[in-house]
Amino acid sequence: MSRLAMVLLCALLGALALTTTTASAGVSKQCKLLSPADVGRPVGMKHLSLRGVTTSNPSLTGVKGRLVLCDFRYPSTGTVASSSVATLPSAGAARKEFSAQVHREQRQPGLKTRKLSGPWDDAYWLGHDGILVLKGRYIFHLQYADGLAKFSAVTQGVLSGLGAKAARRL
């Protein structure tokens, strides 16, 4: 697991331990960029629950911002996928933060990144670490849990489609 994924996962777990929102009406609109059905479809899981929490953004560049962490869960298996949306003060600050995150990921041994085109300003497929999307002053990240039975169905195309859907709603 990459450092970005580990930081986001730790922030998610810590924030969820402090406050958890289980009712769909109480979840941030940024957690609703993708529906639980959209996230569960590639791995054959229906009726996922959605939890979300907002915290300060753990920035690599020192810029202040807000991070919304979203957890898509299935009752018997736990976390199926996690997403996050970082909201930064400006598009320029978001571009610098995005660039720092991508460069850090590219330094990971054995991790292949691929630049993607779509309805966003910039995006990279990060292999098993998901997809990272920049749109305006927002950075969106989506990653599926490794231990899922149908994890092999989570391809670059699937992640690109889900990232495009989220980018259109940002």
N, C-alpha and C. Protein backbone atom coordinates (compact mmCIF):
# COMPACT_ATOMS: atom_id res chain seq x y z
N MET A 1 0.85 -1.17 0.00
CA MET A 1 0.00 0.00 0.00
C MET A 1 0.90 1.23 0.00
N SER A 2 0.60 2.19 -0.83
CA SER A 2 1.42 3.39 -0.94
C SER A 2 1.24 4.29 0.28
N ARG A 3 2.13 5.25 0.39
CA ARG A 3 2.04 6.18 1.52
C ARG A 3 0.78 7.03 1.45
N LEU A 4 0.38 7.46 0.24
CA LEU A 4 -0.84 8.24 0.08
C LEU A 4 -2.03 7.44 0.57
N ALA A 5 -2.11 6.20 0.15
CA ALA A 5 -3.22 5.36 0.58
C ALA A 5 -3.18 5.15 2.10
N MET A 6 -1.99 4.95 2.64
CA MET A 6 -1.86 4.73 4.08
C MET A 6 -2.26 5.98 4.86
N VAL A 7 -1.83 7.16 4.40
CA VAL A 7 -2.20 8.41 5.08
C VAL A 7 -3.71 8.60 5.05
N LEU A 8 -4.30 8.39 3.88
CA LEU A 8 -5.75 8.57 3.75
C LEU A 8 -6.51 7.54 4.59
N LEU A 9 -6.02 6.29 4.60
CA LEU A 9 -6.68 5.25 5.38
C LEU A 9 -6.58 5.55 6.88
N CYS A 10 -5.41 5.97 7.33
CA CYS A 10 -5.25 6.30 8.76
C CYS A 10 -6.10 7.50 9.15
N ALA A 11 -6.13 8.50 8.28
CA ALA A 11 -6.97 9.67 8.56
C ALA A 11 -8.44 9.27 8.61
N LEU A 12 -8.84 8.40 7.70
CA LEU A 12 -10.22 7.93 7.67
C LEU A 12 -10.56 7.15 8.94
N LEU A 13 -9.71 6.22 9.31
CA LEU A 13 -9.99 5.42 10.50
C LEU A 13 -10.00 6.27 11.76
N GLY A 14 -9.05 7.19 11.87
CA GLY A 14 -9.02 8.07 13.04
C GLY A 14 -10.24 8.97 13.11
N ALA A 15 -10.61 9.52 11.98
CA ALA A 15 -11.76 10.41 11.96
C ALA A 15 -13.05 9.65 12.19
N LEU A 16 -13.14 8.43 11.64
CA LEU A 16 -14.35 7.63 11.85
C LEU A 16 -14.47 7.20 13.31
N ALA A 17 -13.35 7.01 13.97
CA ALA A 17 -13.40 6.66 15.38
C ALA A 17 -13.94 7.81 16.23
N LEU A 18 -13.64 9.04 15.79
CA LEU A 18 -14.12 10.20 16.54
C LEU A 18 -15.59 10.48 16.27
N THR A 19 -15.95 10.58 15.01
CA THR A 19 -17.33 10.85 14.65
C THR A 19 -17.69 10.05 13.42
N THR A 20 -18.82 9.40 13.45
CA THR A 20 -19.27 8.61 12.32
C THR A 20 -20.66 9.06 11.96
N THR A 21 -20.87 9.23 10.68
CA THR A 21 -22.19 9.59 10.18
C THR A 21 -22.69 8.43 9.34
N THR A 22 -23.75 7.77 9.79
CA THR A 22 -24.24 6.62 9.05
C THR A 22 -25.49 6.94 8.25
N ALA A 23 -26.22 7.93 8.63
CA ALA A 23 -27.43 8.27 7.89
C ALA A 23 -27.05 8.98 6.61
N SER A 24 -27.66 8.57 5.51
CA SER A 24 -27.32 9.14 4.20
C SER A 24 -27.56 10.64 4.17
N ALA A 25 -28.55 11.12 4.87
CA ALA A 25 -28.85 12.55 4.87
C ALA A 25 -27.74 13.35 5.54
N GLY A 26 -26.98 12.72 6.46
CA GLY A 26 -25.94 13.42 7.17
C GLY A 26 -24.58 13.35 6.51
N VAL A 27 -24.45 12.62 5.42
CA VAL A 27 -23.18 12.46 4.74
C VAL A 27 -22.93 13.67 3.85
N SER A 28 -21.69 14.14 3.82
CA SER A 28 -21.31 15.28 2.99
C SER A 28 -21.69 15.04 1.53
N LYS A 29 -22.02 16.12 0.83
CA LYS A 29 -22.37 15.99 -0.58
C LYS A 29 -21.19 15.48 -1.38
N GLN A 30 -19.98 15.69 -0.90
CA GLN A 30 -18.81 15.19 -1.61
C GLN A 30 -18.66 13.67 -1.48
N CYS A 31 -19.28 13.08 -0.48
CA CYS A 31 -19.30 11.62 -0.41
C CYS A 31 -20.34 11.05 -1.37
N LYS A 32 -21.26 11.89 -1.81
CA LYS A 32 -22.32 11.43 -2.71
C LYS A 32 -21.96 11.64 -4.17
N LEU A 33 -20.70 11.95 -4.47
CA LEU A 33 -20.28 12.06 -5.86
C LEU A 33 -20.49 10.74 -6.59
N LEU A 34 -20.26 9.65 -5.88
CA LEU A 34 -20.51 8.31 -6.40
C LEU A 34 -21.52 7.63 -5.48
N SER A 35 -22.49 6.99 -6.05
CA SER A 35 -23.47 6.28 -5.23
C SER A 35 -22.88 4.95 -4.76
N PRO A 36 -23.37 4.43 -3.64
CA PRO A 36 -22.91 3.11 -3.19
C PRO A 36 -23.14 2.03 -4.25
N ALA A 37 -24.21 2.15 -5.03
CA ALA A 37 -24.47 1.17 -6.09
C ALA A 37 -23.39 1.24 -7.17
N ASP A 38 -22.97 2.46 -7.54
CA ASP A 38 -21.91 2.62 -8.54
C ASP A 38 -20.61 1.99 -8.07
N VAL A 39 -20.28 2.18 -6.81
CA VAL A 39 -19.03 1.66 -6.26
C VAL A 39 -19.10 0.15 -6.10
N GLY A 40 -20.24 -0.39 -5.73
CA GLY A 40 -20.37 -1.82 -5.51
C GLY A 40 -20.50 -2.65 -6.78
N ARG A 41 -21.00 -2.03 -7.84
CA ARG A 41 -21.26 -2.77 -9.09
C ARG A 41 -20.04 -3.52 -9.64
N PRO A 42 -18.85 -2.90 -9.74
CA PRO A 42 -17.71 -3.63 -10.31
C PRO A 42 -17.29 -4.89 -9.54
N VAL A 43 -17.55 -4.91 -8.26
CA VAL A 43 -17.15 -6.06 -7.44
C VAL A 43 -18.35 -6.93 -7.05
N GLY A 44 -19.49 -6.67 -7.66
CA GLY A 44 -20.68 -7.50 -7.44
C GLY A 44 -21.30 -7.37 -6.07
N MET A 45 -21.24 -6.20 -5.48
CA MET A 45 -21.83 -6.00 -4.15
C MET A 45 -22.91 -4.93 -4.22
N LYS A 46 -24.06 -5.27 -3.68
CA LYS A 46 -25.17 -4.33 -3.64
C LYS A 46 -25.36 -3.89 -2.20
N HIS A 47 -26.08 -2.81 -2.04
CA HIS A 47 -26.49 -2.32 -0.72
C HIS A 47 -25.32 -1.99 0.19
N LEU A 48 -24.37 -1.25 -0.33
CA LEU A 48 -23.26 -0.77 0.49
C LEU A 48 -23.74 0.38 1.36
N SER A 49 -23.18 0.49 2.54
CA SER A 49 -23.47 1.65 3.37
C SER A 49 -22.38 2.68 3.15
N LEU A 50 -22.70 3.91 3.43
CA LEU A 50 -21.77 5.00 3.20
C LEU A 50 -21.57 5.78 4.48
N ARG A 51 -20.33 5.96 4.86
CA ARG A 51 -19.97 6.76 6.02
C ARG A 51 -19.01 7.84 5.56
N GLY A 52 -19.10 8.98 6.17
CA GLY A 52 -18.20 10.05 5.79
C GLY A 52 -17.86 10.93 6.97
N VAL A 53 -16.71 11.55 6.86
CA VAL A 53 -16.26 12.45 7.91
C VAL A 53 -15.39 13.53 7.26
N THR A 54 -15.41 14.71 7.84
CA THR A 54 -14.63 15.84 7.34
C THR A 54 -13.55 16.17 8.35
N THR A 55 -12.35 16.42 7.84
CA THR A 55 -11.22 16.74 8.69
C THR A 55 -10.32 17.73 7.95
N SER A 56 -9.26 18.19 8.59
CA SER A 56 -8.33 19.08 7.88
C SER A 56 -7.47 18.25 6.93
N ASN A 57 -7.06 18.85 5.84
CA ASN A 57 -6.30 18.16 4.81
C ASN A 57 -4.84 17.97 5.22
N PRO A 58 -4.34 16.72 5.22
CA PRO A 58 -2.91 16.50 5.53
C PRO A 58 -2.07 16.83 4.30
N SER A 59 -1.76 18.09 4.13
CA SER A 59 -1.13 18.60 2.91
C SER A 59 0.35 18.29 2.84
N LEU A 60 0.82 17.97 1.64
CA LEU A 60 2.25 17.79 1.39
C LEU A 60 2.94 19.13 1.14
N THR A 61 2.18 20.11 0.69
CA THR A 61 2.75 21.41 0.33
C THR A 61 2.50 22.47 1.40
N GLY A 62 1.83 22.13 2.47
CA GLY A 62 1.59 23.07 3.55
C GLY A 62 0.37 23.95 3.39
N VAL A 63 -0.39 23.77 2.32
CA VAL A 63 -1.59 24.58 2.11
C VAL A 63 -2.72 24.03 2.98
N LYS A 64 -3.49 24.93 3.54
CA LYS A 64 -4.61 24.51 4.38
C LYS A 64 -5.80 24.17 3.49
N GLY A 65 -6.57 23.22 3.92
CA GLY A 65 -7.73 22.81 3.17
C GLY A 65 -8.58 21.86 4.00
N ARG A 66 -9.60 21.33 3.37
CA ARG A 66 -10.53 20.42 4.03
C ARG A 66 -10.52 19.10 3.28
N LEU A 67 -10.59 18.00 4.01
CA LEU A 67 -10.60 16.67 3.43
C LEU A 67 -11.85 15.94 3.88
N VAL A 68 -12.63 15.47 2.92
CA VAL A 68 -13.80 14.66 3.21
C VAL A 68 -13.43 13.21 2.89
N LEU A 69 -13.49 12.35 3.89
CA LEU A 69 -13.17 10.94 3.74
C LEU A 69 -14.46 10.14 3.71
N CYS A 70 -14.59 9.26 2.73
CA CYS A 70 -15.81 8.48 2.55
C CYS A 70 -15.46 7.00 2.56
N ASP A 71 -16.26 6.22 3.23
CA ASP A 71 -16.03 4.79 3.38
C ASP A 71 -17.26 4.05 2.90
N PHE A 72 -17.11 3.22 1.86
CA PHE A 72 -18.20 2.40 1.33
C PHE A 72 -18.02 1.01 1.93
N ARG A 73 -19.01 0.56 2.71
CA ARG A 73 -18.88 -0.68 3.48
C ARG A 73 -19.96 -1.68 3.13
N TYR A 74 -19.60 -2.94 3.24
CA TYR A 74 -20.55 -4.04 3.09
C TYR A 74 -20.58 -4.75 4.43
N PRO A 75 -21.78 -5.11 4.93
CA PRO A 75 -21.88 -5.64 6.30
C PRO A 75 -20.94 -6.81 6.60
N SER A 76 -20.82 -7.78 5.71
CA SER A 76 -20.03 -8.97 6.05
C SER A 76 -18.54 -8.82 5.75
N THR A 77 -18.16 -7.93 4.86
CA THR A 77 -16.74 -7.84 4.48
C THR A 77 -16.06 -6.57 4.98
N GLY A 78 -16.81 -5.60 5.43
CA GLY A 78 -16.21 -4.34 5.88
C GLY A 78 -16.02 -3.38 4.73
N THR A 79 -14.91 -2.66 4.73
CA THR A 79 -14.66 -1.63 3.72
C THR A 79 -14.46 -2.25 2.35
N VAL A 80 -15.24 -1.77 1.38
CA VAL A 80 -15.12 -2.20 -0.01
C VAL A 80 -14.26 -1.19 -0.76
N ALA A 81 -14.50 0.08 -0.55
CA ALA A 81 -13.74 1.14 -1.21
C ALA A 81 -13.74 2.37 -0.32
N SER A 82 -12.74 3.20 -0.53
CA SER A 82 -12.63 4.47 0.17
C SER A 82 -12.38 5.56 -0.86
N SER A 83 -12.98 6.70 -0.62
CA SER A 83 -12.72 7.84 -1.48
C SER A 83 -12.46 9.05 -0.60
N SER A 84 -11.86 10.06 -1.21
CA SER A 84 -11.63 11.30 -0.49
C SER A 84 -11.72 12.45 -1.47
N VAL A 85 -12.13 13.60 -0.95
CA VAL A 85 -12.14 14.83 -1.73
C VAL A 85 -11.47 15.90 -0.89
N ALA A 86 -10.34 16.40 -1.41
CA ALA A 86 -9.65 17.51 -0.76
C ALA A 86 -10.11 18.80 -1.41
N THR A 87 -10.55 19.75 -0.60
CA THR A 87 -10.95 21.06 -1.10
C THR A 87 -9.90 22.05 -0.65
N LEU A 88 -9.25 22.68 -1.62
CA LEU A 88 -8.17 23.60 -1.33
C LEU A 88 -8.59 25.02 -1.69
N PRO A 89 -7.90 26.04 -1.18
CA PRO A 89 -8.35 27.42 -1.36
C PRO A 89 -8.37 27.92 -2.80
N SER A 90 -7.53 27.36 -3.67
CA SER A 90 -7.49 27.84 -5.06
C SER A 90 -7.09 26.69 -5.98
N ALA A 91 -7.33 26.89 -7.27
CA ALA A 91 -6.95 25.90 -8.27
C ALA A 91 -5.42 25.75 -8.32
N GLY A 92 -4.70 26.85 -8.15
CA GLY A 92 -3.24 26.79 -8.15
C GLY A 92 -2.70 25.97 -6.99
N ALA A 93 -3.28 26.16 -5.80
CA ALA A 93 -2.86 25.38 -4.64
C ALA A 93 -3.19 23.91 -4.84
N ALA A 94 -4.35 23.64 -5.43
CA ALA A 94 -4.74 22.25 -5.69
C ALA A 94 -3.79 21.61 -6.70
N ARG A 95 -3.38 22.36 -7.72
CA ARG A 95 -2.44 21.85 -8.74
C ARG A 95 -1.11 21.47 -8.10
N LYS A 96 -0.59 22.32 -7.18
CA LYS A 96 0.68 22.04 -6.51
C LYS A 96 0.56 20.81 -5.61
N GLU A 97 -0.54 20.72 -4.87
CA GLU A 97 -0.75 19.57 -3.99
C GLU A 97 -0.90 18.29 -4.82
N PHE A 98 -1.66 18.34 -5.89
CA PHE A 98 -1.86 17.20 -6.78
C PHE A 98 -0.51 16.73 -7.34
N SER A 99 0.27 17.68 -7.81
CA SER A 99 1.58 17.35 -8.37
C SER A 99 2.48 16.69 -7.33
N ALA A 100 2.47 17.20 -6.11
CA ALA A 100 3.27 16.60 -5.04
C ALA A 100 2.82 15.18 -4.74
N GLN A 101 1.52 14.94 -4.74
CA GLN A 101 1.00 13.60 -4.47
C GLN A 101 1.38 12.63 -5.60
N VAL A 102 1.25 13.07 -6.84
CA VAL A 102 1.60 12.22 -7.97
C VAL A 102 3.09 11.89 -7.97
N HIS A 103 3.93 12.89 -7.73
CA HIS A 103 5.37 12.64 -7.71
C HIS A 103 5.76 11.69 -6.59
N ARG A 104 5.11 11.80 -5.46
CA ARG A 104 5.39 10.87 -4.36
C ARG A 104 4.99 9.45 -4.74
N GLU A 105 3.85 9.31 -5.39
CA GLU A 105 3.39 7.99 -5.82
C GLU A 105 4.34 7.40 -6.87
N GLN A 106 4.83 8.23 -7.78
CA GLN A 106 5.71 7.74 -8.83
C GLN A 106 7.04 7.26 -8.29
N ARG A 107 7.42 7.71 -7.11
CA ARG A 107 8.67 7.25 -6.49
C ARG A 107 8.52 5.91 -5.79
N GLN A 108 7.30 5.41 -5.65
CA GLN A 108 7.07 4.13 -4.99
C GLN A 108 7.64 3.01 -5.85
N PRO A 109 8.43 2.11 -5.29
CA PRO A 109 8.99 1.03 -6.09
C PRO A 109 7.89 0.08 -6.59
N GLY A 110 7.96 -0.24 -7.86
CA GLY A 110 7.03 -1.19 -8.45
C GLY A 110 5.67 -0.63 -8.80
N LEU A 111 5.41 0.62 -8.51
CA LEU A 111 4.10 1.22 -8.81
C LEU A 111 4.17 1.93 -10.15
N LYS A 112 3.30 1.54 -11.04
CA LYS A 112 3.23 2.18 -12.35
C LYS A 112 2.04 3.13 -12.36
N THR A 113 2.31 4.36 -12.75
CA THR A 113 1.24 5.35 -12.88
C THR A 113 0.99 5.60 -14.36
N ARG A 114 -0.22 6.02 -14.66
CA ARG A 114 -0.56 6.33 -16.05
C ARG A 114 -1.45 7.56 -16.06
N LYS A 115 -1.05 8.55 -16.87
CA LYS A 115 -1.83 9.77 -17.02
C LYS A 115 -3.09 9.43 -17.82
N LEU A 116 -4.24 9.97 -17.39
CA LEU A 116 -5.51 9.69 -18.02
C LEU A 116 -6.12 10.97 -18.59
N SER A 117 -6.90 10.80 -19.64
CA SER A 117 -7.63 11.95 -20.18
C SER A 117 -9.11 11.75 -19.88
N GLY A 118 -9.81 12.86 -19.68
CA GLY A 118 -11.23 12.79 -19.35
C GLY A 118 -11.75 14.15 -18.95
N PRO A 119 -12.89 14.19 -18.27
CA PRO A 119 -13.55 15.46 -17.91
C PRO A 119 -12.96 16.11 -16.66
N TRP A 120 -11.67 16.16 -16.57
CA TRP A 120 -10.98 16.71 -15.41
C TRP A 120 -9.80 17.55 -15.89
N ASP A 121 -9.16 18.24 -14.98
CA ASP A 121 -7.97 19.01 -15.32
C ASP A 121 -6.76 18.10 -15.46
N ASP A 122 -6.68 17.08 -14.61
CA ASP A 122 -5.57 16.13 -14.65
C ASP A 122 -5.99 14.90 -13.86
N ALA A 123 -5.48 13.75 -14.24
CA ALA A 123 -5.79 12.52 -13.51
C ALA A 123 -4.71 11.48 -13.77
N TYR A 124 -4.49 10.64 -12.77
CA TYR A 124 -3.54 9.54 -12.88
C TYR A 124 -4.16 8.27 -12.32
N TRP A 125 -3.93 7.20 -13.03
CA TRP A 125 -4.25 5.87 -12.53
C TRP A 125 -3.03 5.42 -11.74
N LEU A 126 -3.24 4.98 -10.52
CA LEU A 126 -2.14 4.63 -9.62
C LEU A 126 -2.05 3.13 -9.38
N GLY A 127 -2.44 2.33 -10.35
CA GLY A 127 -2.40 0.88 -10.17
C GLY A 127 -3.39 0.46 -9.09
N HIS A 128 -2.93 -0.38 -8.18
CA HIS A 128 -3.82 -0.86 -7.11
C HIS A 128 -4.14 0.22 -6.09
N ASP A 129 -3.48 1.38 -6.20
CA ASP A 129 -3.76 2.48 -5.30
C ASP A 129 -4.86 3.38 -5.83
N GLY A 130 -5.54 2.98 -6.89
CA GLY A 130 -6.73 3.67 -7.35
C GLY A 130 -6.49 4.74 -8.39
N ILE A 131 -7.28 5.79 -8.30
CA ILE A 131 -7.23 6.89 -9.25
C ILE A 131 -7.18 8.20 -8.47
N LEU A 132 -6.40 9.14 -8.98
CA LEU A 132 -6.28 10.46 -8.38
C LEU A 132 -6.66 11.48 -9.44
N VAL A 133 -7.65 12.32 -9.12
CA VAL A 133 -8.22 13.26 -10.10
C VAL A 133 -8.13 14.68 -9.56
N LEU A 134 -7.74 15.60 -10.43
CA LEU A 134 -7.72 17.03 -10.12
C LEU A 134 -8.76 17.72 -10.96
N LYS A 135 -9.63 18.49 -10.32
CA LYS A 135 -10.59 19.32 -11.05
C LYS A 135 -10.76 20.62 -10.27
N GLY A 136 -10.30 21.70 -10.86
CA GLY A 136 -10.39 23.00 -10.19
C GLY A 136 -9.62 22.98 -8.89
N ARG A 137 -10.30 23.30 -7.80
CA ARG A 137 -9.64 23.32 -6.49
C ARG A 137 -9.89 22.05 -5.69
N TYR A 138 -10.32 20.98 -6.39
CA TYR A 138 -10.64 19.71 -5.74
C TYR A 138 -9.69 18.61 -6.20
N ILE A 139 -9.32 17.74 -5.26
CA ILE A 139 -8.55 16.54 -5.57
C ILE A 139 -9.38 15.36 -5.07
N PHE A 140 -9.71 14.46 -5.98
CA PHE A 140 -10.53 13.29 -5.68
C PHE A 140 -9.66 12.04 -5.77
N HIS A 141 -9.80 11.14 -4.81
CA HIS A 141 -9.07 9.87 -4.80
C HIS A 141 -10.06 8.74 -4.52
N LEU A 142 -9.94 7.66 -5.27
CA LEU A 142 -10.78 6.47 -5.07
C LEU A 142 -9.89 5.25 -5.08
N GLN A 143 -10.09 4.37 -4.10
CA GLN A 143 -9.32 3.13 -4.01
C GLN A 143 -10.20 2.02 -3.46
N TYR A 144 -10.11 0.85 -4.08
CA TYR A 144 -10.82 -0.33 -3.61
C TYR A 144 -9.93 -1.12 -2.67
N ALA A 145 -10.55 -1.86 -1.74
CA ALA A 145 -9.82 -2.71 -0.81
C ALA A 145 -9.21 -3.89 -1.56
N ASP A 146 -7.99 -4.26 -1.22
CA ASP A 146 -7.27 -5.32 -1.92
C ASP A 146 -7.87 -6.71 -1.77
N GLY A 147 -8.44 -7.03 -0.64
CA GLY A 147 -8.86 -8.39 -0.36
C GLY A 147 -10.22 -8.81 -0.90
N LEU A 148 -10.83 -8.02 -1.77
CA LEU A 148 -12.16 -8.35 -2.27
C LEU A 148 -12.12 -9.54 -3.21
N ALA A 149 -13.19 -10.34 -3.19
CA ALA A 149 -13.25 -11.53 -4.04
C ALA A 149 -13.14 -11.19 -5.52
N LYS A 150 -13.74 -10.11 -5.96
CA LYS A 150 -13.70 -9.71 -7.37
C LYS A 150 -12.82 -8.49 -7.59
N PHE A 151 -11.73 -8.41 -6.83
CA PHE A 151 -10.84 -7.26 -6.95
C PHE A 151 -10.26 -7.13 -8.36
N SER A 152 -10.08 -8.24 -9.04
CA SER A 152 -9.52 -8.21 -10.40
C SER A 152 -10.44 -7.49 -11.38
N ALA A 153 -11.72 -7.34 -11.04
CA ALA A 153 -12.66 -6.63 -11.91
C ALA A 153 -12.48 -5.12 -11.84
N VAL A 154 -11.70 -4.65 -10.88
CA VAL A 154 -11.45 -3.21 -10.73
C VAL A 154 -10.27 -2.85 -11.62
N THR A 155 -10.57 -2.54 -12.86
CA THR A 155 -9.54 -2.24 -13.86
C THR A 155 -9.34 -0.74 -14.00
N GLN A 156 -8.39 -0.37 -14.81
CA GLN A 156 -8.16 1.04 -15.10
C GLN A 156 -9.40 1.67 -15.72
N GLY A 157 -10.08 0.95 -16.60
CA GLY A 157 -11.29 1.46 -17.23
C GLY A 157 -12.41 1.71 -16.22
N VAL A 158 -12.57 0.80 -15.28
CA VAL A 158 -13.60 0.96 -14.24
C VAL A 158 -13.29 2.19 -13.40
N LEU A 159 -12.05 2.31 -12.96
CA LEU A 159 -11.66 3.46 -12.14
C LEU A 159 -11.78 4.77 -12.92
N SER A 160 -11.44 4.74 -14.20
CA SER A 160 -11.57 5.95 -15.04
C SER A 160 -13.02 6.37 -15.15
N GLY A 161 -13.91 5.40 -15.36
CA GLY A 161 -15.33 5.70 -15.45
C GLY A 161 -15.88 6.29 -14.17
N LEU A 162 -15.51 5.70 -13.04
CA LEU A 162 -15.97 6.23 -11.76
C LEU A 162 -15.35 7.59 -11.47
N GLY A 163 -14.08 7.77 -11.82
CA GLY A 163 -13.43 9.07 -11.63
C GLY A 163 -14.07 10.15 -12.50
N ALA A 164 -14.46 9.79 -13.72
CA ALA A 164 -15.12 10.75 -14.61
C ALA A 164 -16.47 11.15 -14.06
N LYS A 165 -17.20 10.18 -13.54
CA LYS A 165 -18.51 10.49 -12.95
C LYS A 165 -18.36 11.44 -11.77
N ALA A 166 -17.38 11.18 -10.93
CA ALA A 166 -17.15 12.05 -9.77
C ALA A 166 -16.69 13.44 -10.22
N ALA A 167 -15.82 13.49 -11.23
CA ALA A 167 -15.30 14.78 -11.71
C ALA A 167 -16.43 15.65 -12.28
N ARG A 168 -17.37 15.03 -12.97
CA ARG A 168 -18.48 15.81 -13.52
C ARG A 168 -19.34 16.43 -12.42
N ARG A 169 -19.36 15.81 -11.27
CA ARG A 169 -20.20 16.30 -10.16
C ARG A 169 -19.47 17.28 -9.24
N LEU A 170 -18.17 17.39 -9.40
CA LEU A 170 -17.41 18.32 -8.55
C LEU A 170 -17.72 19.76 -8.93
